[in-house]
Protein backbone atom coordinates (compact mmCIF):
# COMPACT_ATOMS: atom_id res chain seq x y z
CA MET A 1 0.25 0.09 0.04
CA GLN A 2 2.41 2.39 0.86
CA ARG A 3 4.16 1.24 -2.27
CA ILE A 4 1.30 2.20 -4.94
CA ILE A 5 0.66 6.11 -2.41
CA PHE A 6 4.47 6.77 -3.00
CA THR A 7 3.93 6.06 -6.82
CA LEU A 8 0.81 7.99 -7.28
CA PHE A 9 2.52 10.58 -5.34
CA PHE A 10 5.52 10.85 -7.34
CA VAL A 11 3.33 10.77 -10.21
CA LEU A 12 0.91 13.66 -9.60
CA ILE A 13 3.82 15.77 -8.38
CA GLY A 14 5.39 14.42 -11.36
CA SER A 15 2.91 15.87 -14.10
CA THR A 16 2.64 19.74 -11.82
CA ARG A 17 5.92 20.08 -12.58
CA ILE A 18 5.29 19.08 -16.87
CA GLY A 19 2.54 21.22 -16.79
CA ALA A 20 4.45 23.97 -15.28
CA GLU A 21 6.80 24.06 -18.17
CA GLU A 22 4.22 24.21 -20.63
CA GLN A 23 2.79 27.07 -19.43
CA PRO A 24 3.93 29.86 -22.49
CA GLU A 25 6.32 32.95 -20.50
CA ALA A 26 5.09 36.15 -20.88
CA THR A 27 7.41 39.85 -20.35
CA LEU A 28 5.05 42.65 -20.19
CA TYR A 29 7.09 46.09 -20.40
CA LYS A 30 4.57 48.76 -19.53
CA GLN A 31 4.61 51.51 -17.60
CA PRO A 32 4.75 52.16 -14.08
CA PHE A 33 1.16 53.18 -12.60
CA CYS A 34 -0.54 51.89 -15.25
CA GLY A 35 -3.75 50.41 -14.39
CA CYS A 36 -4.52 48.61 -18.37
CA CYS A 37 -1.40 46.72 -18.03
CA ASP A 38 -1.87 45.47 -15.45
CA GLY A 39 -5.44 44.58 -15.92
CA HIS A 40 -3.52 42.87 -19.70
CA ALA A 41 -1.50 41.61 -17.29
CA ASP A 42 -3.93 39.02 -15.55
CA HIS A 43 -5.86 38.94 -18.99
CA LEU A 44 -2.27 36.95 -19.44
CA ARG A 45 -2.42 35.04 -16.71
CA ALA A 46 -6.36 34.07 -16.31
CA ASN A 47 -5.61 32.26 -19.45
CA GLY A 48 -2.31 30.13 -19.32
CA TYR A 49 0.62 32.47 -19.49
CA LYS A 50 3.29 33.07 -17.34
CA VAL A 51 3.77 36.95 -17.41
CA THR A 52 6.44 38.64 -16.06
CA VAL A 53 6.39 42.61 -15.78
CA VAL A 54 9.02 45.27 -16.40
CA GLN A 55 8.52 48.57 -15.85
CA PRO A 56 11.46 50.36 -17.88
CA ASP A 57 12.43 53.85 -17.40
CA ASN A 58 12.23 54.18 -20.61
CA MET A 59 9.69 52.91 -22.98
CA SER A 60 10.44 54.82 -26.06
CA LEU A 61 13.84 52.60 -25.11
CA ILE A 62 12.12 49.24 -25.85
CA LYS A 63 9.76 50.51 -28.67
CA LYS A 64 12.66 50.96 -30.12
CA LYS A 65 15.38 47.93 -29.37
CA PHE A 66 11.99 45.61 -30.12
CA HIS A 67 11.51 47.51 -33.98
CA VAL A 68 7.86 48.26 -33.17
CA PRO A 69 6.61 51.23 -36.00
CA GLN A 70 5.28 54.84 -33.71
CA GLU A 71 2.40 54.54 -35.60
CA TYR A 72 1.50 50.71 -34.00
CA GLU A 73 3.38 52.25 -30.50
CA GLY A 74 0.84 50.92 -28.06
CA CYS A 75 0.29 52.00 -24.11
CA HIS A 76 2.60 48.23 -22.73
CA THR A 77 4.88 46.00 -25.00
CA THR A 78 4.34 41.53 -24.68
CA ILE A 79 6.94 39.86 -26.03
CA ILE A 80 5.46 35.98 -26.27
CA GLY A 81 7.35 32.75 -27.85
CA GLY A 82 9.76 35.34 -29.65
CA TYR A 83 6.77 37.84 -31.28
CA VAL A 84 6.89 41.18 -30.10
CA ILE A 85 2.80 42.27 -29.27
CA GLU A 86 1.56 46.14 -28.79
CA GLY A 87 -1.46 46.84 -27.00
CA HIS A 88 -4.38 44.40 -25.73
CA VAL A 89 -4.38 42.00 -28.80
CA PRO A 90 -6.24 38.87 -26.56
CA ALA A 91 -5.13 35.74 -25.92
CA THR A 92 -6.67 33.77 -27.98
CA VAL A 93 -5.59 35.94 -31.01
CA VAL A 94 -2.19 35.06 -29.31
CA ARG A 95 -2.90 31.63 -29.52
CA ALA A 96 -3.96 31.97 -33.29
CA ASP A 97 -1.33 31.57 -36.28
CA PRO A 98 -0.24 34.64 -35.81
CA ALA A 99 1.39 33.31 -40.14
CA ARG A 100 -1.87 34.51 -40.85
CA GLN A 101 -3.72 37.04 -38.43
CA TRP A 102 -0.87 39.25 -37.43
CA ARG A 103 1.57 41.69 -39.42
CA PRO A 104 4.45 40.96 -40.45
CA HIS A 105 7.28 43.55 -39.39
CA HIS A 106 10.93 43.52 -39.58
CA GLU A 107 12.29 39.88 -38.31
CA ARG A 108 9.19 39.74 -35.71
CA LEU A 109 5.95 39.83 -35.93
CA VAL A 110 3.60 42.99 -34.68
CA ALA A 111 0.36 42.87 -33.68
CA HIS A 112 -2.26 45.68 -32.15
CA ASP A 113 -5.80 45.80 -31.06
C-alpha cells in the first residue's frame, strides 16, 4: 500500500511539473502606474501565461529595441515566444496562427488591438 501511495505521489508531482513547463511565458513591458497594462497582464495570466511585468525607465527604448513602428505603439509591449505584441491583443488571438492574423515587421511579428 505504501508503494502505491508513493508512486501516486510521484506521478502527481511529475505531472504538476510538466504542466508548469508547458505554461507559455510572456514578458510585458509597461509604464509605471498604468492600470490597463496590469489588467492585460492579469488577462494573460487567466489564460494560462506566466507573465513577468517589467517597468523600464524609458518605454521608447523598449519600442526601439523591438522595432515597433511608431504608428503601432501602444501603452505596453509584450514578448511571447519571440513575437512582439503591441497593445491589448486578446490571448485567443495570440494563440491563433500568427502568420495569418498578424502584420509582419522585420524578423518579428507586431500585433496591435
